[in-house]
Amino acid sequence: MLVNPHGQGNLMPLLVSEDTRAEELRRAESFVKVLLSTRELSDLLMLAMGAYTPLEGFMGEEDWRGCCSDMTTADGIFWPIPITLSTSEEISSSIKIGDEVALVNDSLKIFGTLKVEQKYNIDKNYECLHIFRTADAAHPGVAKILEQGEINLSGPVKVFDEDHYPETYKGLYYKPNQTRALFEENGWSTVAAFQTRNPMHRSHEYLAKIAVELCDGLLIHQVLGALKPGDIPADVRVESINSLVKNYFVQGTVVQAGYPIEMRYGGPREALLHAVFRQNFGCSHLVVGRDHAGAGKYYGPFDAHKIFDEIPSGSLETKAIKIDITFYCYKCHGMATGRTCPHGEEDRLNVSGTRLREMLANNEVVPTEFSRPEVLEVLRKYYYNVDN
């Protein structure tokens, strides 16, 4: 049996049925339009597919405050990061409680509606300090909060459109009900999720294979939403990971999928959010390595490990697979961690996505200890095309 959806027994996708979308869209065209930031749009798409089960829409003030302070909604559901929608004072003043509003992107395309139950101000500094442990505007997650409008709108949503994702990522864009069906078809009851926004180098491969040893199967789960400047596009990552899985994993042990979230780089809190929605995708475990979902030096390398021990028992069914810093050891002649290798720094090659991107961008020789040749072939093709 797979783990249960978070907070209740059933998934709650908020995408309206195809036969009602045209009528819902027609109605929405006359509503006040509320512009979604890229992060808010990604959250709406996560609500649409059921990844944010059991949420029914964007959070009210009590839920917002509870998530910030003790990671719990007003009705007692564990939730580590608020899912909110903001707008300007000017737009808010044109909306009454009980109104429906149209949710649009920067091209004014309507993605769904929200029935307004509440309008409220938030303390942005309070949210940033609780969620990100900093109010430094240089932190990408903090910057998004500071850019928000002055007023949050809350209420249930209906979603009409999943953007370009289903078409752009055919064979990769799986919803929670679809990954669960795949896992059951494979006969898996325990599944580890491996979160990535990068091509997989040797350290990633090592982490993933530890997870395969512990569980029936592995979900390599690609971030398809907005990333940081300099990150490698999703289609290139997909091709490189496919080459890795084909050549270095046992057939039938891995499913690769993608999902539309925009990273917040919230470190420990975001690691918990990743576990929450991976439970909805059917994953019993989440691989948590060094500085999971981190940004710069805002978090310690194992803060995301520690936070799983600090939450109340029963908060999550999905558990963390906590793995130490990984590297290639020349004396061990293979990948290792600080828990398995007794040798010193002079014998270790630290493998990171940042360093791999630097070597590729500068046309440096990439050691085989760093990345598999089949993966490098895909990445070099991308960098050559970019540079020329």
Protein backbone atom coordinates (compact mmCIF):
# COMPACT_ATOMS: atom_id res chain seq x y z
CA MET A 1 0.00 0.00 0.00
CA LEU A 2 1.25 3.46 -0.91
CA VAL A 3 1.23 6.25 1.67
CA ASN A 4 -2.04 8.16 2.02
CA PRO A 5 -2.52 11.62 0.52
CA HIS A 6 -1.60 14.29 3.04
CA GLY A 7 -4.21 15.35 5.58
CA GLN A 8 -6.99 13.04 4.43
CA GLY A 9 -7.72 9.92 2.43
CA ASN A 10 -8.28 11.35 -1.05
CA LEU A 11 -6.44 13.55 -3.50
CA MET A 12 -8.09 16.91 -4.15
CA PRO A 13 -7.16 18.18 -7.62
CA LEU A 14 -8.75 21.58 -8.31
CA LEU A 15 -8.67 21.49 -12.12
CA VAL A 16 -12.28 21.73 -13.29
CA SER A 17 -13.60 19.06 -15.67
CA GLU A 18 -13.15 19.63 -19.39
CA ASP A 19 -16.87 19.84 -20.07
CA THR A 20 -17.29 22.85 -17.74
CA ARG A 21 -14.12 24.82 -18.56
CA ALA A 22 -15.51 26.84 -21.45
CA GLU A 23 -18.47 28.05 -19.39
CA GLU A 24 -16.29 28.80 -16.33
CA LEU A 25 -13.90 30.78 -18.53
CA ARG A 26 -16.78 32.73 -20.11
CA ARG A 27 -18.03 33.73 -16.65
CA ALA A 28 -14.55 34.69 -15.47
CA GLU A 29 -14.01 37.15 -18.31
CA SER A 30 -16.27 39.69 -16.57
CA PHE A 31 -14.57 39.37 -13.14
CA VAL A 32 -11.99 41.70 -11.62
CA LYS A 33 -8.58 40.42 -12.74
CA VAL A 34 -5.88 39.62 -10.16
CA LEU A 35 -2.35 39.28 -11.53
CA LEU A 36 -0.43 36.21 -10.38
CA SER A 37 3.31 36.34 -9.79
CA THR A 38 5.27 33.44 -11.30
CA ARG A 39 5.40 31.82 -7.86
CA GLU A 40 1.66 32.24 -7.29
CA LEU A 41 0.94 30.77 -10.73
CA SER A 42 3.14 27.77 -9.94
CA ASP A 43 1.24 27.30 -6.67
CA LEU A 44 -2.07 27.49 -8.55
CA LEU A 45 -0.87 24.75 -10.90
CA MET A 46 0.18 22.61 -7.93
CA LEU A 47 -3.33 23.09 -6.50
CA ALA A 48 -4.78 22.16 -9.90
CA MET A 49 -3.03 18.78 -10.07
CA GLY A 50 -3.76 17.88 -6.44
CA ALA A 51 -0.16 18.17 -5.29
CA TYR A 52 -1.21 20.55 -2.50
CA THR A 53 -3.95 18.27 -1.14
CA PRO A 54 -5.85 18.99 1.12
CA LEU A 55 -5.72 22.74 0.40
CA GLU A 56 -8.78 24.11 -1.40
CA GLY A 57 -7.20 27.40 -2.42
CA PHE A 58 -5.08 30.27 -1.15
CA MET A 59 -4.77 30.62 2.61
CA GLY A 60 -6.55 33.00 4.96
CA GLU A 61 -4.92 35.00 7.72
CA GLU A 62 -5.23 32.37 10.45
CA ASP A 63 -3.76 29.68 8.20
CA TRP A 64 -0.99 32.06 7.09
CA ARG A 65 -0.03 32.91 10.67
CA GLY A 66 -0.24 29.29 11.82
CA CYS A 67 1.97 28.07 8.98
CA CYS A 68 4.54 30.74 9.77
CA SER A 69 4.59 30.23 13.53
CA ASP A 70 4.14 26.48 14.06
CA MET A 71 3.66 24.94 10.59
CA THR A 72 -0.01 24.14 11.18
CA THR A 73 -3.16 25.45 9.51
CA ALA A 74 -6.18 26.62 11.51
CA ASP A 75 -7.79 23.17 11.21
CA GLY A 76 -4.66 21.38 12.41
CA ILE A 77 -3.13 20.25 9.12
CA PHE A 78 0.67 20.20 9.07
CA TRP A 79 1.86 22.71 6.44
CA PRO A 80 5.34 24.30 6.61
CA ILE A 81 5.12 27.20 4.11
CA PRO A 82 2.09 29.47 3.51
CA ILE A 83 0.42 29.25 0.09
CA THR A 84 -0.89 32.77 -0.44
CA LEU A 85 -2.05 35.21 -3.11
CA SER A 86 -1.36 38.94 -2.92
CA THR A 87 -2.64 41.99 -4.74
CA SER A 88 -2.42 45.76 -4.55
CA GLU A 89 -4.49 48.05 -2.33
CA GLU A 90 -6.07 49.47 -5.49
CA ILE A 91 -7.24 46.09 -6.81
CA SER A 92 -8.29 44.93 -3.35
CA SER A 93 -10.49 47.99 -2.85
CA SER A 94 -12.48 47.04 -5.97
CA ILE A 95 -13.26 43.57 -4.57
CA LYS A 96 -15.91 42.66 -2.01
CA ILE A 97 -16.00 39.59 0.21
CA GLY A 98 -17.94 36.92 -1.67
CA ASP A 99 -16.85 38.18 -5.10
CA GLU A 100 -15.21 35.85 -7.60
CA VAL A 101 -12.04 37.16 -9.22
CA ALA A 102 -10.17 35.98 -12.32
CA LEU A 103 -6.58 34.82 -11.79
CA VAL A 104 -4.36 35.92 -14.68
CA ASN A 105 -0.71 35.86 -15.72
CA ASP A 106 1.23 38.84 -17.06
CA SER A 107 -0.31 38.29 -20.52
CA LEU A 108 -3.78 38.52 -18.90
CA LYS A 109 -4.51 34.88 -19.71
CA ILE A 110 -7.12 33.55 -17.25
CA PHE A 111 -5.98 30.44 -15.41
CA GLY A 112 -8.77 30.16 -12.88
CA THR A 113 -10.96 31.92 -10.34
CA LEU A 114 -10.94 32.54 -6.61
CA LYS A 115 -14.01 33.18 -4.47
CA VAL A 116 -12.86 35.81 -2.00
CA GLU A 117 -13.46 34.85 1.61
CA GLN A 118 -10.96 37.22 3.20
CA LYS A 119 -8.73 40.22 2.52
CA TYR A 120 -5.89 40.80 4.95
CA ASN A 121 -2.52 42.49 5.48
CA ILE A 122 0.54 40.47 6.44
CA ASP A 123 3.78 41.28 8.20
CA LYS A 124 6.30 40.44 5.47
CA ASN A 125 9.24 40.59 7.85
CA TYR A 126 7.48 38.13 10.18
CA GLU A 127 6.91 35.67 7.33
CA CYS A 128 10.47 35.93 6.04
CA LEU A 129 12.07 35.41 9.45
CA HIS A 130 9.92 32.35 10.19
CA ILE A 131 10.09 30.71 6.77
CA PHE A 132 13.55 31.67 5.52
CA ARG A 133 15.26 32.50 8.85
CA THR A 134 16.33 35.81 7.30
CA ALA A 135 14.84 39.06 6.01
CA ASP A 136 17.83 39.70 3.72
CA ALA A 137 16.46 40.90 0.37
CA ALA A 138 19.37 39.12 -1.38
CA HIS A 139 17.72 35.80 -0.52
CA PRO A 140 15.58 34.85 -3.58
CA GLY A 141 12.64 33.67 -1.47
CA VAL A 142 12.69 36.79 0.68
CA ALA A 143 12.84 38.95 -2.45
CA LYS A 144 9.60 37.34 -3.71
CA ILE A 145 7.82 38.08 -0.43
CA LEU A 146 8.99 41.69 -0.40
CA GLU A 147 7.74 42.15 -3.98
CA GLN A 148 4.22 40.98 -3.07
CA GLY A 149 1.25 43.30 -3.02
CA GLU A 150 0.03 44.82 0.25
CA ILE A 151 -3.11 42.65 0.60
CA ASN A 152 -3.58 38.89 0.58
CA LEU A 153 -6.77 37.39 -0.86
CA SER A 154 -7.97 34.02 0.36
CA GLY A 155 -10.58 31.51 -0.71
CA PRO A 156 -11.23 28.38 -2.75
CA VAL A 157 -10.03 28.25 -6.34
CA LYS A 158 -11.13 26.65 -9.58
CA VAL A 159 -8.41 26.09 -12.20
CA PHE A 160 -9.13 25.98 -15.95
CA ASP A 161 -5.68 25.79 -17.52
CA GLU A 162 -2.41 23.96 -16.79
CA ASP A 163 -0.33 26.29 -18.97
CA HIS A 164 2.15 24.76 -21.42
CA TYR A 165 3.32 21.94 -19.13
CA PRO A 166 1.21 18.99 -20.37
CA GLU A 167 2.17 19.67 -24.00
CA THR A 168 5.77 20.75 -23.48
CA TYR A 169 6.58 17.84 -21.18
CA LYS A 170 4.59 14.95 -22.62
CA GLY A 171 5.69 11.74 -20.94
CA LEU A 172 7.14 13.70 -18.01
CA TYR A 173 4.35 15.86 -16.61
CA TYR A 174 2.65 13.43 -14.23
CA LYS A 175 -0.02 14.39 -11.70
CA PRO A 176 -0.19 12.70 -8.28
CA ASN A 177 -2.92 10.30 -9.36
CA GLN A 178 -0.77 9.32 -12.35
CA THR A 179 2.44 8.67 -10.40
CA ARG A 180 0.44 6.63 -7.90
CA ALA A 181 -0.97 4.54 -10.77
CA LEU A 182 2.55 4.02 -12.16
CA PHE A 183 3.89 2.93 -8.78
CA GLU A 184 1.04 0.48 -8.28
CA GLU A 185 1.52 -0.87 -11.81
CA ASN A 186 5.19 -1.50 -10.94
CA GLY A 187 4.18 -3.22 -7.71
CA TRP A 188 5.90 -0.61 -5.54
CA SER A 189 4.66 0.18 -2.03
CA THR A 190 7.72 2.17 -0.89
CA VAL A 191 8.99 4.90 -3.20
CA ALA A 192 11.76 7.44 -2.65
CA ALA A 193 11.55 10.87 -4.27
CA PHE A 194 14.73 12.50 -5.50
CA GLN A 195 14.28 16.26 -5.92
CA THR A 196 16.39 17.92 -8.61
CA ARG A 197 16.68 21.18 -10.49
CA ASN A 198 20.05 20.18 -12.00
CA PRO A 199 21.42 17.46 -14.28
CA MET A 200 22.51 14.52 -12.15
CA HIS A 201 26.24 14.23 -11.48
CA ARG A 202 27.99 11.36 -9.69
CA SER A 203 26.98 12.51 -6.21
CA HIS A 204 23.32 12.69 -7.25
CA GLU A 205 23.60 9.23 -8.78
CA TYR A 206 25.06 7.89 -5.54
CA LEU A 207 22.24 9.39 -3.46
CA ALA A 208 19.64 8.00 -5.84
CA LYS A 209 21.13 4.50 -5.72
CA ILE A 210 21.11 4.51 -1.92
CA ALA A 211 17.39 5.26 -2.15
CA VAL A 212 16.87 2.40 -4.61
CA GLU A 213 18.55 0.06 -2.12
CA LEU A 214 16.10 1.14 0.60
CA CYS A 215 12.82 1.35 -1.36
CA ASP A 216 10.99 -0.55 -4.08
CA GLY A 217 11.49 2.27 -6.56
CA LEU A 218 12.72 5.80 -7.15
CA LEU A 219 10.90 8.89 -8.47
CA ILE A 220 13.39 11.34 -9.99
CA HIS A 221 11.28 14.47 -9.71
CA GLN A 222 12.31 17.41 -11.88
CA VAL A 223 11.49 21.05 -11.09
CA LEU A 224 9.83 22.46 -14.22
CA GLY A 225 8.93 25.91 -12.86
CA ALA A 226 11.07 29.05 -12.82
CA LEU A 227 14.67 28.60 -11.67
CA LYS A 228 17.65 30.82 -10.90
CA PRO A 229 19.65 32.53 -13.70
CA GLY A 230 22.28 30.16 -15.07
CA ASP A 231 20.37 26.97 -14.30
CA ILE A 232 20.17 24.42 -17.11
CA PRO A 233 16.77 24.19 -18.90
CA ALA A 234 14.44 21.34 -18.05
CA ASP A 235 14.53 19.65 -21.47
CA VAL A 236 18.33 19.37 -21.30
CA ARG A 237 18.16 18.02 -17.75
CA VAL A 238 15.57 15.46 -18.81
CA GLU A 239 17.70 14.21 -21.68
CA SER A 240 20.80 13.97 -19.50
CA ILE A 241 18.95 12.13 -16.72
CA ASN A 242 17.40 9.74 -19.25
CA SER A 243 20.90 8.87 -20.46
CA LEU A 244 22.04 8.29 -16.87
CA VAL A 245 19.08 6.06 -16.01
CA LYS A 246 19.41 4.07 -19.25
CA ASN A 247 23.09 3.31 -18.72
CA TYR A 248 23.58 3.16 -14.95
CA PHE A 249 20.33 2.07 -13.26
CA VAL A 250 18.58 -1.31 -13.25
CA GLN A 251 15.63 -1.26 -15.62
CA GLY A 252 12.30 -0.89 -13.84
CA THR A 253 13.63 0.80 -10.71
CA VAL A 254 13.20 4.45 -11.74
CA VAL A 255 10.38 6.73 -12.88
CA GLN A 256 11.28 10.24 -14.04
CA ALA A 257 8.62 12.94 -13.76
CA GLY A 258 8.34 16.71 -13.59
CA TYR A 259 6.14 19.16 -11.72
CA PRO A 260 5.44 22.90 -12.09
CA ILE A 261 6.61 24.38 -8.79
CA GLU A 262 8.81 27.46 -8.57
CA MET A 263 11.57 26.98 -6.00
CA ARG A 264 11.51 29.24 -2.95
CA TYR A 265 15.04 28.25 -1.78
CA GLY A 266 13.61 27.96 1.72
CA GLY A 267 16.09 25.37 2.99
CA PRO A 268 14.68 23.33 5.93
CA ARG A 269 11.08 24.58 5.60
CA GLU A 270 11.10 23.87 1.88
CA ALA A 271 12.45 20.37 2.51
CA LEU A 272 9.33 19.75 4.61
CA LEU A 273 7.08 21.16 1.88
CA HIS A 274 8.78 18.82 -0.60
CA ALA A 275 7.95 15.91 1.70
CA VAL A 276 4.31 17.04 2.05
CA PHE A 277 3.54 17.09 -1.63
CA ARG A 278 5.72 14.02 -2.39
CA GLN A 279 3.35 12.18 -0.02
CA ASN A 280 0.54 13.23 -2.35
CA PHE A 281 2.51 11.86 -5.31
CA GLY A 282 2.69 8.53 -3.44
CA CYS A 283 6.25 8.67 -2.14
CA SER A 284 7.03 7.12 1.23
CA HIS A 285 10.49 8.72 1.42
CA LEU A 286 12.32 11.85 0.30
CA VAL A 287 16.08 11.95 -0.26
CA VAL A 288 17.47 14.87 1.74
CA GLY A 289 21.11 15.56 1.05
CA ARG A 290 23.41 18.43 1.86
CA ASP A 291 21.77 21.90 2.02
CA HIS A 292 18.47 20.73 0.53
CA ALA A 293 16.68 23.63 -1.25
CA GLY A 294 19.29 26.03 0.09
CA ALA A 295 20.52 29.36 -1.24
CA GLY A 296 24.03 30.56 -0.56
CA LYS A 297 25.04 30.32 3.08
CA TYR A 298 21.71 31.01 4.75
CA TYR A 299 21.41 27.46 6.13
CA GLY A 300 23.75 24.91 7.63
CA PRO A 301 24.54 21.87 5.47
CA PHE A 302 22.35 19.58 7.59
CA ASP A 303 19.62 21.94 8.82
CA ALA A 304 17.15 20.20 6.48
CA HIS A 305 18.03 16.89 8.18
CA LYS A 306 17.47 18.26 11.66
CA ILE A 307 14.07 19.81 10.98
CA PHE A 308 12.51 16.40 10.28
CA ASP A 309 13.36 15.46 13.88
CA GLU A 310 11.80 18.66 15.25
CA ILE A 311 8.28 18.36 13.83
CA PRO A 312 5.55 16.64 15.88
CA SER A 313 5.14 12.90 15.49
CA GLY A 314 2.51 12.04 12.90
CA SER A 315 2.93 15.29 10.93
CA LEU A 316 3.96 13.38 7.82
CA GLU A 317 3.84 9.84 6.51
CA THR A 318 6.71 10.58 4.11
CA LYS A 319 10.07 10.18 5.84
CA ALA A 320 13.46 11.69 5.10
CA ILE A 321 16.36 9.60 3.86
CA LYS A 322 19.16 11.70 5.36
CA ILE A 323 22.48 11.36 3.58
CA ASP A 324 25.78 12.97 4.51
CA ILE A 325 27.95 15.07 2.18
CA THR A 326 28.96 12.93 -0.81
CA PHE A 327 32.21 13.02 -2.79
CA TYR A 328 34.57 10.88 -4.84
CA CYS A 329 37.40 9.41 -2.77
CA TYR A 330 40.57 8.53 -4.67
CA LYS A 331 41.67 6.15 -1.92
CA CYS A 332 38.27 4.42 -1.73
CA HIS A 333 38.18 4.42 -5.56
CA GLY A 334 34.54 5.43 -5.60
CA MET A 335 31.74 7.63 -4.30
CA ALA A 336 31.51 7.90 -0.52
CA THR A 337 30.14 10.04 2.32
CA GLY A 338 31.56 11.43 5.54
CA ARG A 339 30.01 8.43 7.32
CA THR A 340 31.67 5.80 5.12
CA CYS A 341 35.05 7.29 4.15
CA PRO A 342 37.89 7.70 6.71
CA HIS A 343 40.21 9.66 4.42
CA GLY A 344 41.07 13.35 4.44
CA GLU A 345 40.08 16.26 2.24
CA GLU A 346 43.23 15.84 0.16
CA ASP A 347 41.88 12.50 -1.11
CA ARG A 348 38.39 13.79 -1.93
CA LEU A 349 36.87 15.36 -5.02
CA ASN A 350 33.82 17.40 -3.99
CA VAL A 351 31.16 17.05 -6.67
CA SER A 352 28.59 19.83 -7.10
CA GLY A 353 26.22 21.10 -9.76
CA THR A 354 27.67 24.61 -9.46
CA ARG A 355 31.20 23.40 -10.17
CA LEU A 356 30.00 21.19 -13.04
CA ARG A 357 28.28 24.17 -14.70
CA GLU A 358 31.45 26.24 -14.26
CA MET A 359 33.62 23.59 -15.92
CA LEU A 360 31.24 23.19 -18.83
CA ALA A 361 30.83 26.94 -19.33
CA ASN A 362 34.63 27.40 -19.31
CA ASN A 363 35.20 24.40 -21.58
CA GLU A 364 37.30 22.69 -18.90
CA VAL A 365 38.02 18.97 -18.87
CA VAL A 366 35.42 17.33 -16.61
CA PRO A 367 36.83 14.31 -14.75
CA THR A 368 34.96 11.00 -15.10
CA GLU A 369 34.76 11.01 -11.30
CA PHE A 370 32.52 14.09 -11.63
CA SER A 371 30.02 13.04 -14.26
CA ARG A 372 29.20 10.10 -16.49
CA PRO A 373 30.36 10.47 -20.15
CA GLU A 374 26.83 9.95 -21.51
CA VAL A 375 25.58 12.83 -19.34
CA LEU A 376 28.50 15.06 -20.36
CA GLU A 377 27.76 14.43 -24.03
CA VAL A 378 24.25 15.87 -23.59
CA LEU A 379 25.47 18.84 -21.53
CA ARG A 380 28.34 19.72 -23.87
CA LYS A 381 25.90 19.80 -26.79
CA TYR A 382 23.76 22.28 -24.84
CA TYR A 383 26.69 24.50 -23.84
CA TYR A 384 28.09 24.46 -27.38
CA ASN A 385 24.73 25.58 -28.79
CA VAL A 386 24.36 28.26 -26.11
CA ASP A 387 27.81 29.69 -26.75
CA ASN A 388 27.56 29.65 -30.50
